[in-house]
Amino acid sequence: MQLMRSDYTELTAHGRGYVTDLLKPDRTHDMLEAYGFAVTRSPAGTVSTEDAHREMAAIRADFGLREPYAPLLYRDRDAPLVTEVTRKADSDHPAFHTGAAQGWHTDGLLEDIGTIRTTLLYCVRPAHGGGRTFLLNAGRVFDELRTEDPEAAEVLLRGTILGRRSTIPGAVREAVGPVFAELGDGHYATRYGEGQVERWYPKDAVEQKSLARALGYFRARRDDPDVRIDLLLQAGQCLIFRNDVLAHGRENFTDDPRCPRLLLRSLHTEAPGRTS
């Protein structure tokens, strides 16, 4: 990967883009290596749910991703491995099945840092309005923080600083760990987030001040266009991203009741690679 040097403004400049052809996996892999994400485009003009599952299987084959991973939180809920992200009036899930915005997070609420390395998010039908997905090069921001304020950055590496707690009724579970961990190749695994599920555990007043500086740095930096990109997926597009190194979120959306927003999501413990 080249994330410590990547700049997302390169992808929004005139003449550039981030969407690749589903039938050209080498170009998609180059995008993933450079920016931590890529968006493939189906050759079909319209897509069905069956088309989406078939094309997600092709993407898995192209990039050496095995069958989808079942997150710990859902293993006793009989949840499908490929999840439908759409509005459902009878659901108790606080995010998947509502039109509400989702704050910054990484997938795998209860997993150890870096467990879920890749997320696939395939758009079958976009929303009537809104629903953009946003990505943050969290490792680059953290690397900058280590240079500017090493004491604040060190707090985010401590193994018991962040708890992430389930908000699903009847499933009160929490996983505690660091916010960042060094990967050994100049990059950082992350479980950065700021929303309803995070609980912070500074050990004393000094660490509380360092933590406040660290989170303040991220809040000031995370909307800058060189480290953040907003994507509005269209029908037939699949977002592939490195969940272990990028944080992501979603704006709220409104639906056309006759054609509600539908995305399919799968999680994988492998990083995407070339298979040929």
Protein backbone atom coordinates (compact mmCIF):
# COMPACT_ATOMS: atom_id res chain seq x y z
CA MET A 1 0.00 0.00 0.00
CA GLN A 2 0.97 3.61 -0.47
CA LEU A 3 -1.52 5.23 1.91
CA MET A 4 1.02 7.34 3.79
CA ARG A 5 1.66 9.20 0.54
CA SER A 6 -1.78 9.09 -1.11
CA ASP A 7 -3.86 12.23 -1.61
CA TYR A 8 -7.56 11.86 -2.35
CA THR A 9 -7.70 15.21 -4.12
CA GLU A 10 -5.91 13.44 -6.98
CA LEU A 11 -9.12 11.48 -7.56
CA THR A 12 -11.42 14.48 -7.62
CA ALA A 13 -9.29 16.60 -9.95
CA HIS A 14 -10.53 17.18 -13.49
CA GLY A 15 -9.93 14.17 -15.69
CA ARG A 16 -9.38 11.70 -12.87
CA GLY A 17 -11.75 9.28 -11.21
CA TYR A 18 -11.99 6.33 -8.89
CA VAL A 19 -14.37 4.00 -10.77
CA THR A 20 -12.81 1.00 -12.54
CA ASP A 21 -14.13 -1.66 -14.89
CA LEU A 22 -15.28 -4.86 -13.19
CA LEU A 23 -13.55 -6.78 -15.98
CA LYS A 24 -10.16 -5.11 -15.37
CA PRO A 25 -9.06 -6.30 -11.91
CA ASP A 26 -5.44 -5.18 -12.36
CA ARG A 27 -6.48 -1.53 -12.51
CA THR A 28 -8.75 -2.04 -9.51
CA HIS A 29 -5.88 -3.60 -7.56
CA ASP A 30 -3.64 -0.63 -8.38
CA MET A 31 -6.32 1.69 -6.98
CA LEU A 32 -6.55 -0.37 -3.81
CA GLU A 33 -2.79 -0.28 -3.32
CA ALA A 34 -2.59 3.47 -3.86
CA TYR A 35 -5.69 4.69 -2.04
CA GLY A 36 -7.01 1.82 0.08
CA PHE A 37 -10.25 1.62 -1.89
CA ALA A 38 -11.66 1.17 -5.38
CA VAL A 39 -15.11 1.23 -6.97
CA THR A 40 -15.92 -1.27 -9.71
CA ARG A 41 -18.66 -0.73 -12.28
CA SER A 42 -20.85 -3.53 -13.62
CA PRO A 43 -20.95 -3.92 -17.41
CA ALA A 44 -24.76 -4.25 -17.13
CA GLY A 45 -27.00 -1.20 -17.39
CA THR A 46 -29.32 -2.42 -14.66
CA VAL A 47 -28.65 -4.95 -11.93
CA SER A 48 -30.75 -7.29 -9.80
CA THR A 49 -29.93 -8.70 -6.39
CA GLU A 50 -28.90 -11.92 -8.14
CA ASP A 51 -26.55 -9.95 -10.41
CA ALA A 52 -25.03 -8.30 -7.37
CA HIS A 53 -24.32 -11.61 -5.63
CA ARG A 54 -22.80 -13.02 -8.82
CA GLU A 55 -20.55 -9.99 -9.33
CA MET A 56 -19.48 -9.96 -5.67
CA ALA A 57 -18.45 -13.60 -6.11
CA ALA A 58 -16.40 -12.58 -9.17
CA ILE A 59 -14.69 -9.84 -7.16
CA ARG A 60 -13.85 -12.31 -4.40
CA ALA A 61 -12.30 -14.64 -6.97
CA ASP A 62 -10.35 -11.84 -8.66
CA PHE A 63 -8.78 -10.63 -5.41
CA GLY A 64 -8.31 -13.85 -3.47
CA LEU A 65 -11.03 -13.17 -0.92
CA ARG A 66 -12.52 -16.30 0.62
CA GLU A 67 -16.13 -16.70 1.71
CA PRO A 68 -17.52 -13.80 3.76
CA TYR A 69 -16.63 -13.63 7.44
CA ALA A 70 -19.37 -13.83 10.08
CA PRO A 71 -18.80 -11.08 12.68
CA LEU A 72 -18.86 -12.15 16.33
CA LEU A 73 -21.83 -9.90 17.10
CA TYR A 74 -24.11 -11.67 14.62
CA ARG A 75 -23.13 -15.32 14.99
CA ASP A 76 -26.02 -16.09 17.33
CA ARG A 77 -28.56 -14.04 15.36
CA ASP A 78 -28.80 -16.25 12.27
CA ALA A 79 -27.61 -13.36 10.11
CA PRO A 80 -26.68 -13.95 6.45
CA LEU A 81 -23.00 -13.67 5.50
CA VAL A 82 -23.91 -11.11 2.83
CA THR A 83 -25.98 -8.48 4.62
CA GLU A 84 -28.72 -6.36 3.08
CA VAL A 85 -28.25 -2.72 4.05
CA THR A 86 -31.72 -1.28 3.51
CA ARG A 87 -34.55 0.21 5.54
CA LYS A 88 -36.62 -2.37 7.45
CA ALA A 89 -39.35 -1.22 9.78
CA ASP A 90 -39.25 -4.38 11.92
CA SER A 91 -35.46 -4.48 12.46
CA ASP A 92 -33.75 -3.82 15.80
CA HIS A 93 -30.41 -2.99 14.15
CA PRO A 94 -29.49 0.64 14.90
CA ALA A 95 -27.71 1.28 11.58
CA PHE A 96 -28.17 -1.30 8.81
CA HIS A 97 -31.92 -0.93 8.45
CA THR A 98 -32.50 2.78 8.97
CA GLY A 99 -31.91 5.88 6.90
CA ALA A 100 -29.99 7.55 9.71
CA ALA A 101 -26.43 8.76 9.30
CA GLN A 102 -23.56 6.61 10.58
CA GLY A 103 -20.57 8.25 12.19
CA TRP A 104 -16.95 7.29 11.64
CA HIS A 105 -16.30 3.61 12.39
CA THR A 106 -14.68 0.41 11.16
CA ASP A 107 -16.61 -2.81 10.54
CA GLY A 108 -16.33 -5.59 13.12
CA LEU A 109 -17.54 -4.09 16.37
CA LEU A 110 -16.24 -6.85 18.64
CA GLU A 111 -13.29 -8.12 16.56
CA ASP A 112 -9.66 -7.51 17.45
CA ILE A 113 -8.04 -4.66 15.58
CA GLY A 114 -7.18 -5.58 11.99
CA THR A 115 -9.27 -8.79 11.89
CA ILE A 116 -11.61 -7.66 9.10
CA ARG A 117 -9.29 -6.42 6.40
CA THR A 118 -11.67 -5.92 3.47
CA THR A 119 -15.27 -4.78 3.07
CA LEU A 120 -17.33 -5.11 -0.12
CA LEU A 121 -20.34 -2.79 -0.45
CA TYR A 122 -22.39 -3.34 -3.60
CA CYS A 123 -25.14 -0.90 -4.64
CA VAL A 124 -28.20 -2.56 -6.14
CA ARG A 125 -30.35 0.58 -5.82
CA PRO A 126 -29.22 4.02 -4.62
CA ALA A 127 -31.31 6.18 -2.32
CA HIS A 128 -33.75 8.77 -3.60
CA GLY A 129 -31.62 11.37 -1.84
CA GLY A 130 -28.40 11.27 0.18
CA GLY A 131 -26.66 8.11 1.32
CA ARG A 132 -23.08 9.05 0.45
CA THR A 133 -20.37 6.87 1.95
CA PHE A 134 -17.28 8.66 3.23
CA LEU A 135 -13.80 7.24 3.73
CA LEU A 136 -10.97 8.52 5.92
CA ASN A 137 -7.28 7.74 5.55
CA ALA A 138 -7.07 7.35 9.31
CA GLY A 139 -3.53 5.97 9.34
CA ARG A 140 -2.12 9.01 7.56
CA VAL A 141 -3.84 11.34 10.05
CA PHE A 142 -2.46 9.27 12.92
CA ASP A 143 1.04 9.34 11.42
CA GLU A 144 0.85 13.13 11.27
CA LEU A 145 -0.32 13.22 14.89
CA ARG A 146 2.69 11.13 15.96
CA THR A 147 4.93 13.80 14.47
CA GLU A 148 3.05 16.80 15.87
CA ASP A 149 2.04 15.48 19.30
CA PRO A 150 3.71 12.14 20.16
CA GLU A 151 2.20 12.05 23.66
CA ALA A 152 -1.34 12.35 22.31
CA ALA A 153 -0.67 9.72 19.64
CA GLU A 154 0.74 7.29 22.20
CA VAL A 155 -2.58 7.22 24.04
CA LEU A 156 -4.30 5.87 20.92
CA LEU A 157 -1.86 2.93 20.85
CA ARG A 158 -2.64 1.82 24.41
CA GLY A 159 -4.37 -1.54 24.50
CA THR A 160 -7.26 -0.59 26.79
CA ILE A 161 -8.06 2.96 25.67
CA LEU A 162 -11.15 2.26 23.51
CA GLY A 163 -14.18 0.10 24.13
CA ARG A 164 -16.76 -0.49 21.42
CA ARG A 165 -20.14 -1.54 22.77
CA SER A 166 -23.06 -3.10 20.95
CA THR A 167 -26.22 -1.00 20.82
CA ILE A 168 -28.42 -3.85 19.57
CA PRO A 169 -31.14 -4.59 22.15
CA GLY A 170 -30.40 -7.74 24.11
CA ALA A 171 -26.79 -7.97 22.87
CA VAL A 172 -24.81 -5.94 25.41
CA ARG A 173 -21.20 -6.79 24.64
CA GLU A 174 -18.04 -4.72 24.56
CA ALA A 175 -14.60 -5.16 23.03
CA VAL A 176 -11.70 -3.15 24.45
CA GLY A 177 -8.48 -2.46 22.56
CA PRO A 178 -6.27 0.20 20.99
CA VAL A 179 -7.36 2.69 18.36
CA PHE A 180 -4.26 2.10 16.23
CA ALA A 181 -1.63 -0.63 15.95
CA GLU A 182 1.52 -0.67 13.84
CA LEU A 183 1.43 -3.14 10.95
CA GLY A 184 5.19 -3.25 10.42
CA ASP A 185 5.10 -1.94 6.85
CA GLY A 186 4.79 1.75 7.68
CA HIS A 187 0.99 1.57 7.94
CA TYR A 188 -1.38 1.30 10.86
CA ALA A 189 -4.36 -0.90 11.58
CA THR A 190 -7.25 1.09 13.01
CA ARG A 191 -10.54 0.80 14.86
CA TYR A 192 -11.04 4.57 15.02
CA GLY A 193 -14.56 5.82 15.46
CA GLU A 194 -16.61 8.47 17.15
CA GLY A 195 -20.28 7.71 17.47
CA GLN A 196 -22.73 5.90 19.73
CA VAL A 197 -20.72 2.73 20.37
CA GLU A 198 -17.38 4.13 21.60
CA ARG A 199 -16.39 4.27 25.27
CA TRP A 200 -13.06 5.84 26.19
CA TYR A 201 -10.96 4.66 29.15
CA PRO A 202 -8.13 7.08 29.98
CA LYS A 203 -6.27 5.89 33.07
CA ASP A 204 -5.81 9.30 34.69
CA ALA A 205 -6.28 13.05 34.22
CA VAL A 206 -3.01 13.42 32.32
CA GLU A 207 -4.02 10.78 29.81
CA GLN A 208 -7.49 12.31 29.55
CA LYS A 209 -5.91 15.57 28.37
CA SER A 210 -3.73 13.73 25.85
CA LEU A 211 -6.76 11.83 24.58
CA ALA A 212 -8.70 15.07 24.19
CA ARG A 213 -5.88 16.51 22.09
CA ALA A 214 -5.71 13.38 19.94
CA LEU A 215 -9.45 13.32 19.25
CA GLY A 216 -9.46 17.07 18.66
CA TYR A 217 -6.73 16.63 16.05
CA PHE A 218 -8.79 14.02 14.22
CA ARG A 219 -11.92 16.18 14.33
CA ALA A 220 -10.00 19.10 12.86
CA ARG A 221 -8.34 17.03 10.15
CA ARG A 222 -10.90 14.42 9.08
CA ASP A 223 -12.92 16.63 6.73
CA ASP A 224 -9.88 17.74 4.72
CA PRO A 225 -10.13 16.57 1.09
CA ASP A 226 -6.64 15.06 0.94
CA VAL A 227 -7.53 12.45 3.59
CA ARG A 228 -11.31 12.14 3.09
CA ILE A 229 -13.38 11.23 0.05
CA ASP A 230 -17.18 11.05 -0.28
CA LEU A 231 -18.67 8.49 -2.66
CA LEU A 232 -22.24 8.24 -3.90
CA LEU A 233 -22.53 4.69 -5.22
CA GLN A 234 -24.74 4.12 -8.24
CA ALA A 235 -26.56 0.92 -9.22
CA GLY A 236 -24.03 -1.71 -10.29
CA GLN A 237 -21.09 -0.16 -8.46
CA CYS A 238 -19.20 -2.05 -5.76
CA LEU A 239 -16.99 -0.28 -3.23
CA ILE A 240 -14.00 -2.36 -2.15
CA PHE A 241 -12.06 -0.92 0.75
CA ARG A 242 -9.44 -1.79 3.35
CA ASN A 243 -11.49 -1.84 6.51
CA ASP A 244 -8.36 -2.43 8.61
CA VAL A 245 -6.73 0.86 7.62
CA LEU A 246 -9.56 3.21 6.59
CA ALA A 247 -12.43 4.49 8.72
CA HIS A 248 -15.78 5.07 7.05
CA GLY A 249 -19.26 6.42 7.64
CA ARG A 250 -22.47 7.37 5.85
CA GLU A 251 -24.73 10.38 5.58
CA ASN A 252 -28.47 9.98 6.12
CA PHE A 253 -30.73 9.23 3.17
CA THR A 254 -34.33 9.35 2.01
CA ASP A 255 -36.05 6.62 0.03
CA ASP A 256 -38.51 6.32 -2.78
CA PRO A 257 -40.90 3.74 -1.22
CA ARG A 258 -41.38 2.15 -4.64
CA CYS A 259 -37.63 1.65 -5.07
CA PRO A 260 -35.86 1.69 -1.68
CA ARG A 261 -32.11 1.92 -1.31
CA LEU A 262 -30.44 -1.51 -1.25
CA LEU A 263 -26.78 -2.29 -0.72
CA LEU A 264 -25.16 -5.66 -0.08
CA ARG A 265 -22.23 -5.90 2.34
CA SER A 266 -19.71 -8.65 2.97
CA LEU A 267 -16.67 -8.73 5.24
CA HIS A 268 -13.38 -10.57 4.66
CA THR A 269 -10.33 -11.37 6.74
CA GLU A 270 -8.00 -11.26 3.71
CA ALA A 271 -6.53 -8.19 2.06
CA PRO A 272 -7.27 -8.00 -1.68
CA GLY A 273 -4.41 -9.25 -3.82
CA ARG A 274 -3.67 -10.28 -7.41
CA THR A 275 -4.59 -13.88 -8.20
CA SER A 276 -2.87 -14.07 -11.59
